[in-house]
C-alpha atoms as a PDB file:
ATOM      1  CA  MET A   1       0.000   0.000   0.000  1.00  0.00           C
ATOM      2  CA  ASN A   2       2.805   2.408   0.936  1.00  0.00           C
ATOM      3  CA  LEU A   3       4.658   1.608  -2.296  1.00  0.00           C
ATOM      4  CA  ALA A   4       1.549   2.220  -4.397  1.00  0.00           C
ATOM      5  CA  LEU A   5       1.009   5.575  -2.664  1.00  0.00           C
ATOM      6  CA  THR A   6       4.639   6.549  -3.236  1.00  0.00           C
ATOM      7  CA  VAL A   7       4.427   5.716  -6.951  1.00  0.00           C
ATOM      8  CA  LEU A   8       1.171   7.669  -7.214  1.00  0.00           C
ATOM      9  CA  GLU A   9       2.748  10.679  -5.516  1.00  0.00           C
ATOM     10  CA  ILE A  10       5.614  10.560  -8.033  1.00  0.00           C
ATOM     11  CA  THR A  11       3.659  10.042 -11.228  1.00  0.00           C
ATOM     12  CA  ALA A  12       0.393  11.892 -10.575  1.00  0.00           C
ATOM     13  CA  PRO A  13       1.842  15.449 -10.766  1.00  0.00           C
ATOM     14  CA  VAL A  14       3.604  14.597 -14.027  1.00  0.00           C
ATOM     15  CA  PHE A  15       0.570  13.243 -15.840  1.00  0.00           C
ATOM     16  CA  LEU A  16      -1.843  15.758 -14.284  1.00  0.00           C
ATOM     17  CA  LEU A  17       0.197  18.676 -15.625  1.00  0.00           C
ATOM     18  CA  ALA A  18       0.278  17.016 -19.046  1.00  0.00           C
ATOM     19  CA  ALA A  19      -3.506  16.621 -18.738  1.00  0.00           C
ATOM     20  CA  VAL A  20      -3.772  20.361 -18.084  1.00  0.00           C
ATOM     21  CA  GLY A  21      -2.126  21.030 -21.447  1.00  0.00           C
ATOM     22  CA  PHE A  22      -4.308  18.452 -23.174  1.00  0.00           C
ATOM     23  CA  THR A  23      -7.489  19.933 -21.694  1.00  0.00           C
ATOM     24  CA  TRP A  24      -6.351  23.511 -22.389  1.00  0.00           C
ATOM     25  CA  VAL A  25      -6.304  22.817 -26.116  1.00  0.00           C
ATOM     26  CA  LYS A  26      -9.458  20.714 -26.176  1.00  0.00           C
ATOM     27  CA  VAL A  27     -11.549  23.509 -24.629  1.00  0.00           C
ATOM     28  CA  GLY A  28     -10.286  25.923 -27.274  1.00  0.00           C
ATOM     29  CA  PHE A  29      -7.778  28.087 -25.387  1.00  0.00           C
ATOM     30  CA  GLU A  30      -4.798  29.486 -27.294  1.00  0.00           C
ATOM     31  CA  TYR A  31      -1.380  27.934 -26.710  1.00  0.00           C
ATOM     32  CA  ARG A  32       1.542  29.134 -28.816  1.00  0.00           C
ATOM     33  CA  ILE A  33       3.517  25.947 -28.682  1.00  0.00           C
ATOM     34  CA  GLN A  34       6.365  27.210 -30.875  1.00  0.00           C
ATOM     35  CA  PHE A  35       7.005  30.182 -28.569  1.00  0.00           C
ATOM     36  CA  VAL A  36       6.755  28.139 -25.362  1.00  0.00           C
ATOM     37  CA  THR A  37       9.001  25.402 -26.750  1.00  0.00           C
ATOM     38  CA  GLN A  38      11.593  27.931 -27.859  1.00  0.00           C
ATOM     39  CA  LEU A  39      11.508  29.620 -24.437  1.00  0.00           C
ATOM     40  CA  ALA A  40      11.919  26.282 -22.680  1.00  0.00           C
ATOM     41  CA  MET A  41      14.701  24.895 -24.885  1.00  0.00           C
ATOM     42  CA  THR A  42      16.625  28.168 -25.248  1.00  0.00           C
ATOM     43  CA  LEU A  43      16.399  29.512 -21.699  1.00  0.00           C
ATOM     44  CA  ALA A  44      14.682  27.380 -19.059  1.00  0.00           C
ATOM     45  CA  VAL A  45      16.125  23.922 -19.806  1.00  0.00           C
ATOM     46  CA  PRO A  46      19.734  25.160 -20.312  1.00  0.00           C
ATOM     47  CA  CYS A  47      19.523  27.003 -16.978  1.00  0.00           C
ATOM     48  CA  LEU A  48      18.160  23.867 -15.323  1.00  0.00           C
ATOM     49  CA  ILE A  49      20.939  21.724 -16.804  1.00  0.00           C
ATOM     50  CA  PHE A  50      23.748  24.136 -15.932  1.00  0.00           C
ATOM     51  CA  THR A  51      22.737  24.702 -12.306  1.00  0.00           C
ATOM     52  CA  ALA A  52      22.006  21.005 -11.726  1.00  0.00           C
ATOM     53  CA  LEU A  53      25.485  20.032 -12.941  1.00  0.00           C
ATOM     54  CA  MET A  54      27.282  22.911 -11.248  1.00  0.00           C
ATOM     55  CA  LYS A  55      25.758  22.146  -7.847  1.00  0.00           C
ATOM     56  CA  THR A  56      25.788  18.357  -8.054  1.00  0.00           C
ATOM     57  CA  GLU A  57      27.591  16.387  -5.383  1.00  0.00           C
ATOM     58  CA  ALA A  58      27.944  13.374  -7.683  1.00  0.00           C
ATOM     59  CA  ASP A  59      31.390  12.367  -8.835  1.00  0.00           C
ATOM     60  CA  ILE A  60      32.104  13.438 -12.409  1.00  0.00           C
ATOM     61  CA  VAL A  61      33.488   9.949 -13.122  1.00  0.00           C
ATOM     62  CA  ALA A  62      30.177   8.428 -12.034  1.00  0.00           C
ATOM     63  CA  LEU A  63      28.289  10.799 -14.340  1.00  0.00           C
ATOM     64  CA  GLY A  64      30.651   9.883 -17.170  1.00  0.00           C
ATOM     65  CA  ARG A  65      29.984   6.184 -16.551  1.00  0.00           C
ATOM     66  CA  LEU A  66      26.262   6.910 -16.699  1.00  0.00           C
ATOM     67  CA  ALA A  67      26.678   8.728 -20.025  1.00  0.00           C
ATOM     68  CA  VAL A  68      28.566   5.757 -21.484  1.00  0.00           C
ATOM     69  CA  ALA A  69      25.950   3.325 -20.169  1.00  0.00           C
ATOM     70  CA  ALA A  70      23.228   5.445 -21.788  1.00  0.00           C
ATOM     71  CA  THR A  71      25.044   5.436 -25.129  1.00  0.00           C
ATOM     72  CA  VAL A  72      25.433   1.661 -24.997  1.00  0.00           C
ATOM     73  CA  SER A  73      21.750   1.320 -24.072  1.00  0.00           C
ATOM     74  CA  TYR A  74      20.635   3.370 -27.066  1.00  0.00           C
ATOM     75  CA  ALA A  75      22.880   1.305 -29.340  1.00  0.00           C
ATOM     76  CA  ALA A  76      21.419  -1.941 -27.985  1.00  0.00           C
ATOM     77  CA  VAL A  77      17.840  -0.680 -28.303  1.00  0.00           C
ATOM     78  CA  GLY A  78      18.635   0.367 -31.866  1.00  0.00           C
ATOM     79  CA  MET A  79      19.899  -3.074 -32.837  1.00  0.00           C
ATOM     80  CA  VAL A  80      16.948  -4.884 -31.266  1.00  0.00           C
ATOM     81  CA  GLY A  81      14.520  -2.367 -32.753  1.00  0.00           C
ATOM     82  CA  TRP A  82      16.020  -2.776 -36.217  1.00  0.00           C
ATOM     83  CA  ALA A  83      15.702  -6.572 -35.995  1.00  0.00           C
ATOM     84  CA  LEU A  84      12.080  -6.444 -34.780  1.00  0.00           C
ATOM     85  CA  LEU A  85      10.930  -3.872 -37.334  1.00  0.00           C
ATOM     86  CA  ALA A  86      12.631  -5.752 -40.169  1.00  0.00           C
ATOM     87  CA  ALA A  87      11.077  -9.033 -39.014  1.00  0.00           C
ATOM     88  CA  PHE A  88       7.567  -7.534 -39.076  1.00  0.00           C
ATOM     89  CA  GLY A  89       8.124  -5.667 -42.346  1.00  0.00           C
ATOM     90  CA  LEU A  90       7.672  -2.199 -40.836  1.00  0.00           C
ATOM     91  CA  ASN A  91       9.313   0.832 -42.404  1.00  0.00           C
ATOM     92  CA  LEU A  92      12.634   1.506 -40.686  1.00  0.00           C
ATOM     93  CA  ARG A  93      12.728   5.140 -41.763  1.00  0.00           C
ATOM     94  CA  THR A  94       9.382   5.763 -40.091  1.00  0.00           C
ATOM     95  CA  TYR A  95       9.659   3.719 -36.917  1.00  0.00           C
ATOM     96  CA  LEU A  96      13.295   3.069 -35.944  1.00  0.00           C
ATOM     97  CA  ALA A  97      14.272   6.492 -34.584  1.00  0.00           C
ATOM     98  CA  PRO A  98      11.048   6.810 -32.518  1.00  0.00           C
ATOM     99  CA  PHE A  99      11.618   3.284 -31.212  1.00  0.00           C
ATOM    100  CA  ILE A 100      15.111   4.199 -29.992  1.00  0.00           C
ATOM    101  CA  PHE A 101      14.707   7.668 -28.536  1.00  0.00           C
ATOM    102  CA  GLY A 102      12.220   8.422 -25.778  1.00  0.00           C
ATOM    103  CA  ASN A 103      10.867  11.585 -24.219  1.00  0.00           C
ATOM    104  CA  THR A 104      13.812  12.185 -21.876  1.00  0.00           C
ATOM    105  CA  GLY A 105      13.017  15.897 -21.587  1.00  0.00           C
ATOM    106  CA  ASN A 106       9.323  16.611 -21.132  1.00  0.00           C
ATOM    107  CA  LEU A 107       8.580  13.372 -19.276  1.00  0.00           C
ATOM    108  CA  GLY A 108      11.880  11.852 -18.163  1.00  0.00           C
ATOM    109  CA  ILE A 109      13.287  14.799 -16.223  1.00  0.00           C
ATOM    110  CA  PRO A 110      10.179  15.419 -14.078  1.00  0.00           C
ATOM    111  CA  LEU A 111       9.801  11.714 -13.296  1.00  0.00           C
ATOM    112  CA  ALA A 112      13.469  11.419 -12.326  1.00  0.00           C
ATOM    113  CA  LEU A 113      13.182  14.492 -10.086  1.00  0.00           C
ATOM    114  CA  PHE A 114      10.052  13.298  -8.285  1.00  0.00           C
ATOM    115  CA  ALA A 115      11.288   9.710  -8.001  1.00  0.00           C
ATOM    116  CA  PHE A 116      14.907  10.296  -6.971  1.00  0.00           C
ATOM    117  CA  GLY A 117      15.086  13.925  -5.861  1.00  0.00           C
ATOM    118  CA  GLN A 118      17.846  16.365  -6.770  1.00  0.00           C
ATOM    119  CA  ALA A 119      20.308  13.530  -7.418  1.00  0.00           C
ATOM    120  CA  GLY A 120      17.853  12.075  -9.926  1.00  0.00           C
ATOM    121  CA  LEU A 121      17.525  15.428 -11.678  1.00  0.00           C
ATOM    122  CA  GLU A 122      21.297  15.750 -11.965  1.00  0.00           C
ATOM    123  CA  ARG A 123      21.579  12.367 -13.634  1.00  0.00           C
ATOM    124  CA  ALA A 124      18.520  12.945 -15.795  1.00  0.00           C
ATOM    125  CA  VAL A 125      20.067  16.025 -17.414  1.00  0.00           C
ATOM    126  CA  VAL A 126      23.085  13.913 -18.369  1.00  0.00           C
ATOM    127  CA  LEU A 127      20.745  11.434 -20.067  1.00  0.00           C
ATOM    128  CA  LEU A 128      18.940  14.306 -21.797  1.00  0.00           C
ATOM    129  CA  ALA A 129      22.231  15.601 -23.204  1.00  0.00           C
ATOM    130  CA  VAL A 130      23.237  12.147 -24.472  1.00  0.00           C
ATOM    131  CA  SER A 131      19.815  11.675 -26.060  1.00  0.00           C
ATOM    132  CA  ALA A 132      19.962  15.101 -27.717  1.00  0.00           C
ATOM    133  CA  VAL A 133      23.380  14.486 -29.252  1.00  0.00           C
ATOM    134  CA  LEU A 134      22.378  11.082 -30.609  1.00  0.00           C
ATOM    135  CA  SER A 135      18.998  12.366 -31.850  1.00  0.00           C
ATOM    136  CA  PHE A 136      20.534  15.215 -33.829  1.00  0.00           C
ATOM    137  CA  THR A 137      23.049  12.891 -35.480  1.00  0.00           C
ATOM    138  CA  ILE A 138      21.965   9.259 -35.724  1.00  0.00           C
ATOM    139  CA  GLY A 139      18.283  10.041 -35.196  1.00  0.00           C
ATOM    140  CA  ILE A 140      18.068  12.519 -38.064  1.00  0.00           C
ATOM    141  CA  TRP A 141      20.226  10.261 -40.252  1.00  0.00           C
ATOM    142  CA  LEU A 142      17.785   7.375 -39.730  1.00  0.00           C
ATOM    143  CA  VAL A 143      14.871   9.550 -40.853  1.00  0.00           C
ATOM    144  CA  ALA A 144      16.473  11.769 -43.486  1.00  0.00           C
ATOM    145  CA  GLY A 145      19.613   9.939 -44.586  1.00  0.00           C
ATOM    146  CA  ARG A 146      21.854  12.660 -43.171  1.00  0.00           C
ATOM    147  CA  GLY A 147      22.837  13.940 -39.752  1.00  0.00           C
ATOM    148  CA  ALA A 148      22.932  17.462 -38.383  1.00  0.00           C
ATOM    149  CA  PHE A 149      26.149  17.668 -36.384  1.00  0.00           C
ATOM    150  CA  GLY A 150      26.391  21.405 -36.941  1.00  0.00           C
ATOM    151  CA  LYS A 151      23.039  21.895 -35.265  1.00  0.00           C
ATOM    152  CA  ILE A 152      24.297  20.239 -32.079  1.00  0.00           C
ATOM    153  CA  LEU A 153      26.851  22.993 -31.590  1.00  0.00           C
ATOM    154  CA  LYS A 154      24.068  25.586 -31.784  1.00  0.00           C
ATOM    155  CA  GLU A 155      21.830  23.898 -29.215  1.00  0.00           C
ATOM    156  CA  PRO A 156      21.841  25.898 -25.937  1.00  0.00           C
ATOM    157  CA  MET A 157      21.311  22.805 -23.803  1.00  0.00           C
ATOM    158  CA  ILE A 158      24.441  21.165 -25.240  1.00  0.00           C
ATOM    159  CA  GLY A 159      26.450  24.279 -24.414  1.00  0.00           C
ATOM    160  CA  ALA A 160      24.886  24.348 -20.937  1.00  0.00           C
ATOM    161  CA  THR A 161      25.865  20.701 -20.410  1.00  0.00           C
ATOM    162  CA  LEU A 162      29.488  21.297 -21.421  1.00  0.00           C
ATOM    163  CA  LEU A 163      29.723  24.461 -19.320  1.00  0.00           C
ATOM    164  CA  GLY A 164      28.084  22.772 -16.329  1.00  0.00           C
ATOM    165  CA  ALA A 165      30.498  19.844 -16.624  1.00  0.00           C
ATOM    166  CA  LEU A 166      33.438  22.293 -16.727  1.00  0.00           C
ATOM    167  CA  PHE A 167      32.216  24.062 -13.570  1.00  0.00           C
ATOM    168  CA  LEU A 168      31.705  20.689 -11.884  1.00  0.00           C
ATOM    169  CA  TRP A 169      35.179  19.490 -12.864  1.00  0.00           C
ATOM    170  CA  GLN A 170      36.884  22.681 -11.691  1.00  0.00           C
ATOM    171  CA  GLY A 171      34.728  23.137  -8.603  1.00  0.00           C
ATOM    172  CA  TRP A 172      33.646  26.581  -9.739  1.00  0.00           C
ATOM    173  CA  GLU A 173      30.395  28.308  -8.824  1.00  0.00           C
ATOM    174  CA  THR A 174      28.726  31.396 -10.191  1.00  0.00           C
ATOM    175  CA  PRO A 175      28.095  34.347  -7.798  1.00  0.00           C
ATOM    176  CA  THR A 176      25.066  33.837  -5.563  1.00  0.00           C
ATOM    177  CA  PHE A 177      22.917  36.407  -7.346  1.00  0.00           C
ATOM    178  CA  MET A 178      23.641  34.731 -10.690  1.00  0.00           C
ATOM    179  CA  THR A 179      23.012  31.246  -9.332  1.00  0.00           C
ATOM    180  CA  ASN A 180      19.667  32.353  -7.889  1.00  0.00           C
ATOM    181  CA  THR A 181      18.696  33.925 -11.222  1.00  0.00           C
ATOM    182  CA  LEU A 182      19.640  30.817 -13.199  1.00  0.00           C
ATOM    183  CA  GLU A 183      17.820  28.528 -10.774  1.00  0.00           C
ATOM    184  CA  LEU A 184      14.701  30.699 -10.949  1.00  0.00           C
ATOM    185  CA  ALA A 185      14.740  30.540 -14.754  1.00  0.00           C
ATOM    186  CA  GLY A 186      15.330  26.786 -14.627  1.00  0.00           C
ATOM    187  CA  GLN A 187      12.306  26.253 -12.399  1.00  0.00           C
ATOM    188  CA  MET A 188      10.095  27.200 -15.353  1.00  0.00           C
ATOM    189  CA  ALA A 189      11.305  24.242 -17.370  1.00  0.00           C
ATOM    190  CA  ILE A 190       9.494  21.293 -15.795  1.00  0.00           C
ATOM    191  CA  PRO A 191       5.922  22.672 -15.688  1.00  0.00           C
ATOM    192  CA  MET A 192       6.319  24.197 -19.160  1.00  0.00           C
ATOM    193  CA  MET A 193       7.587  20.942 -20.657  1.00  0.00           C
ATOM    194  CA  LEU A 194       4.786  18.877 -19.126  1.00  0.00           C
ATOM    195  CA  ILE A 195       1.995  21.235 -20.164  1.00  0.00           C
ATOM    196  CA  THR A 196       3.492  21.501 -23.650  1.00  0.00           C
ATOM    197  CA  LEU A 197       3.592  17.696 -23.888  1.00  0.00           C
ATOM    198  CA  GLY A 198      -0.140  17.580 -23.221  1.00  0.00           C
ATOM    199  CA  VAL A 199      -0.790  20.312 -25.796  1.00  0.00           C
ATOM    200  CA  ALA A 200       1.298  18.543 -28.432  1.00  0.00           C
ATOM    201  CA  VAL A 201      -0.411  15.178 -27.880  1.00  0.00           C
ATOM    202  CA  ALA A 202      -3.837  16.845 -28.070  1.00  0.00           C
ATOM    203  CA  ARG A 203      -3.017  18.348 -31.470  1.00  0.00           C
ATOM    204  CA  LEU A 204      -1.722  15.169 -33.085  1.00  0.00           C
ATOM    205  CA  THR A 205      -3.893  13.066 -35.382  1.00  0.00           C
ATOM    206  CA  PRO A 206      -2.845   9.461 -34.786  1.00  0.00           C
ATOM    207  CA  GLY A 207      -2.627   6.925 -37.594  1.00  0.00           C
ATOM    208  CA  ARG A 208      -2.145   3.119 -37.711  1.00  0.00           C
ATOM    209  CA  VAL A 209      -3.280   2.795 -34.102  1.00  0.00           C
ATOM    210  CA  VAL A 210      -3.142  -1.016 -33.946  1.00  0.00           C
ATOM    211  CA  THR A 211       0.493  -1.024 -35.064  1.00  0.00           C
ATOM    212  CA  ALA A 212       1.213   1.785 -32.614  1.00  0.00           C
ATOM    213  CA  ILE A 213      -0.255  -0.192 -29.709  1.00  0.00           C
ATOM    214  CA  GLY A 214       1.900  -3.240 -30.436  1.00  0.00           C
ATOM    215  CA  LEU A 215       5.057  -1.196 -30.944  1.00  0.00           C
ATOM    216  CA  SER A 216       4.444   0.893 -27.820  1.00  0.00           C
ATOM    217  CA  VAL A 217       4.161  -2.161 -25.582  1.00  0.00           C
ATOM    218  CA  VAL A 218       7.205  -3.795 -27.179  1.00  0.00           C
ATOM    219  CA  LYS A 219       9.238  -0.565 -26.914  1.00  0.00           C
ATOM    220  CA  LEU A 220       8.496  -0.183 -23.217  1.00  0.00           C
ATOM    221  CA  VAL A 221       9.405  -3.797 -22.412  1.00  0.00           C
ATOM    222  CA  VAL A 222      12.512  -3.931 -24.635  1.00  0.00           C
ATOM    223  CA  CYS A 223      13.878  -0.587 -23.435  1.00  0.00           C
ATOM    224  CA  ALA A 224      13.317  -1.406 -19.758  1.00  0.00           C
ATOM    225  CA  LEU A 225      14.972  -4.834 -20.027  1.00  0.00           C
ATOM    226  CA  ILE A 226      17.969  -3.553 -21.989  1.00  0.00           C
ATOM    227  CA  ALA A 227      18.532  -0.565 -19.698  1.00  0.00           C
ATOM    228  CA  TRP A 228      18.173  -2.785 -16.621  1.00  0.00           C
ATOM    229  CA  GLY A 229      20.759  -5.220 -17.955  1.00  0.00           C
ATOM    230  CA  ILE A 230      23.248  -2.524 -18.958  1.00  0.00           C
ATOM    231  CA  ALA A 231      22.820  -0.647 -15.669  1.00  0.00           C
ATOM    232  CA  SER A 232      23.660  -3.903 -13.881  1.00  0.00           C
ATOM    233  CA  ALA A 233      26.643  -4.559 -16.156  1.00  0.00           C
ATOM    234  CA  PHE A 234      28.039  -1.073 -15.460  1.00  0.00           C
ATOM    235  CA  ALA A 235      27.436  -1.482 -11.704  1.00  0.00           C
ATOM    236  CA  LEU A 236      25.695   1.882 -11.502  1.00  0.00           C
ATOM    237  CA  ASP A 237      24.715   3.293  -8.126  1.00  0.00           C
ATOM    238  CA  ASP A 238      21.051   2.993  -7.168  1.00  0.00           C
ATOM    239  CA  THR A 239      20.039   6.472  -8.347  1.00  0.00           C
ATOM    240  CA  SER A 240      21.894   6.222 -11.662  1.00  0.00           C
ATOM    241  CA  PHE A 241      20.437   2.731 -12.150  1.00  0.00           C
ATOM    242  CA  GLY A 242      16.892   3.971 -11.650  1.00  0.00           C
ATOM    243  CA  VAL A 243      17.298   7.066 -13.805  1.00  0.00           C
ATOM    244  CA  LEU A 244      18.867   5.126 -16.679  1.00  0.00           C
ATOM    245  CA  VAL A 245      16.060   2.552 -16.738  1.00  0.00           C
ATOM    246  CA  LEU A 246      13.400   5.241 -16.410  1.00  0.00           C
ATOM    247  CA  GLN A 247      14.812   7.560 -19.067  1.00  0.00           C
ATOM    248  CA  ILE A 248      15.510   4.875 -21.654  1.00  0.00           C
ATOM    249  CA  SER A 249      11.959   3.551 -21.143  1.00  0.00           C
ATOM    250  CA  THR A 250      10.137   6.850 -21.724  1.00  0.00           C
ATOM    251  CA  PRO A 251       7.574   6.968 -24.567  1.00  0.00           C
ATOM    252  CA  VAL A 252       8.150   8.453 -28.009  1.00  0.00           C
ATOM    253  CA  ALA A 253       8.850  12.190 -27.976  1.00  0.00           C
ATOM    254  CA  VAL A 254       6.800  14.652 -30.001  1.00  0.00           C
ATOM    255  CA  THR A 255      10.024  15.689 -31.764  1.00  0.00           C
ATOM    256  CA  ALA A 256       9.921  12.314 -33.559  1.00  0.00           C
ATOM    257  CA  TYR A 257       6.712  13.445 -35.256  1.00  0.00           C
ATOM    258  CA  LEU A 258       8.245  16.809 -36.164  1.00  0.00           C
ATOM    259  CA  LEU A 259      11.266  15.093 -37.748  1.00  0.00           C
ATOM    260  CA  ALA A 260       9.024  12.729 -39.721  1.00  0.00           C
ATOM    261  CA  GLU A 261       6.984  15.680 -40.953  1.00  0.00           C
ATOM    262  CA  LYS A 262      10.080  17.682 -41.876  1.00  0.00           C
ATOM    263  CA  TYR A 263      11.919  14.917 -43.728  1.00  0.00           C
ATOM    264  CA  GLY A 264       8.986  13.258 -45.484  1.00  0.00           C
ATOM    265  CA  ALA A 265       8.572  10.067 -43.461  1.00  0.00           C
ATOM    266  CA  ASP A 266       5.126   8.696 -42.555  1.00  0.00           C
ATOM    267  CA  SER A 267       4.324  11.383 -39.988  1.00  0.00           C
ATOM    268  CA  GLU A 268       0.759  10.158 -39.407  1.00  0.00           C
ATOM    269  CA  SER A 269       2.019   6.753 -38.285  1.00  0.00           C
ATOM    270  CA  VAL A 270       4.645   8.398 -36.071  1.00  0.00           C
ATOM    271  CA  ALA A 271       1.909  10.577 -34.553  1.00  0.00           C
ATOM    272  CA  GLY A 272       0.035   7.415 -33.640  1.00  0.00           C
ATOM    273  CA  PHE A 273       3.197   5.995 -32.066  1.00  0.00           C
ATOM    274  CA  VAL A 274       3.667   9.198 -30.009  1.00  0.00           C
ATOM    275  CA  VAL A 275       0.081   9.335 -28.752  1.00  0.00           C
ATOM    276  CA  VAL A 276      -0.326   5.631 -27.977  1.00  0.00           C
ATOM    277  CA  SER A 277       3.089   5.214 -26.328  1.00  0.00           C
ATOM    278  CA  THR A 278       2.410   8.262 -24.145  1.00  0.00           C
ATOM    279  CA  LEU A 279      -0.973   6.862 -23.080  1.00  0.00           C
ATOM    280  CA  ILE A 280       0.513   3.417 -22.374  1.00  0.00           C
ATOM    281  CA  SER A 281       3.251   5.047 -20.282  1.00  0.00           C
ATOM    282  CA  ILE A 282       0.572   6.296 -17.874  1.00  0.00           C
ATOM    283  CA  ALA A 283       0.223   2.688 -16.714  1.00  0.00           C
ATOM    284  CA  GLY A 284       3.620   1.300 -17.721  1.00  0.00           C
ATOM    285  CA  LEU A 285       5.970   3.806 -16.090  1.00  0.00           C
ATOM    286  CA  PRO A 286       4.335   3.615 -12.631  1.00  0.00           C
ATOM    287  CA  LEU A 287       4.722  -0.175 -12.739  1.00  0.00           C
ATOM    288  CA  LEU A 288       8.363   0.244 -13.699  1.00  0.00           C
ATOM    289  CA  LEU A 289       8.887   2.754 -10.899  1.00  0.00           C
ATOM    290  CA  ALA A 290       7.388   0.300  -8.427  1.00  0.00           C
ATOM    291  CA  LEU A 291      10.107  -2.192  -9.409  1.00  0.00           C
ATOM    292  CA  LEU A 292      12.858   0.420  -9.111  1.00  0.00           C
ATOM    293  CA  LEU A 293      11.902   1.905  -5.752  1.00  0.00           C
END
């Protein structure tokens, strides 16, 4: 009973805020998703990442091990995903990138924070950075046949990650007034990302729902098992273990739909994958958390 209540306390705020965004759109209120997303990804999330890394008490070697474990996890998920999609005759260009990369930002960071506290947040931003780098290179290449390495260098959250890692390594800290300002800006990130997730899901028109249901269940199970095994192989500490499994197992991000739309893949099918995997995660991620706690 206590475990169930703990899981509910962790997951309910996350999905309720997403439901606020979903309901906001459905009742006809305006939501300028492009502006809010730009504000979050250019200002709020970089501030959150930088301050979390700068103030972390985790060893930089441990964070580096987590980053390597995440990279190996994504590679393993990619290989299994490729084999499964090929076996069932599904289009790799449409489904492989969404199968590999989950919603480590909008959904993963809040869940890691509520489940594992500040230490979970610190590790979650490392996973977000790894996911972003791989998404802008391998992810885009899988969809479009070419990567976008140059775009990585222009992403504020990548710069914030590198700068935060430098401050962590050197033991530097910004002046108190600057730290307070950055932390205040970073506090916007989590509620904005969750509400925006709900808005984005509400605006999608899902296609190939039956396929999406099967893939969503398989993705959740495959990702959780692979991440669990790799976390064990790397002998990660309890918090890193939990965050890795949780982040790798998150549902398909809305950015997968945007990439499919931009590069001419089957965006309607990807939209179905996004919507269904997000809905399935409402039940699946709490069960996974119950195993991790």
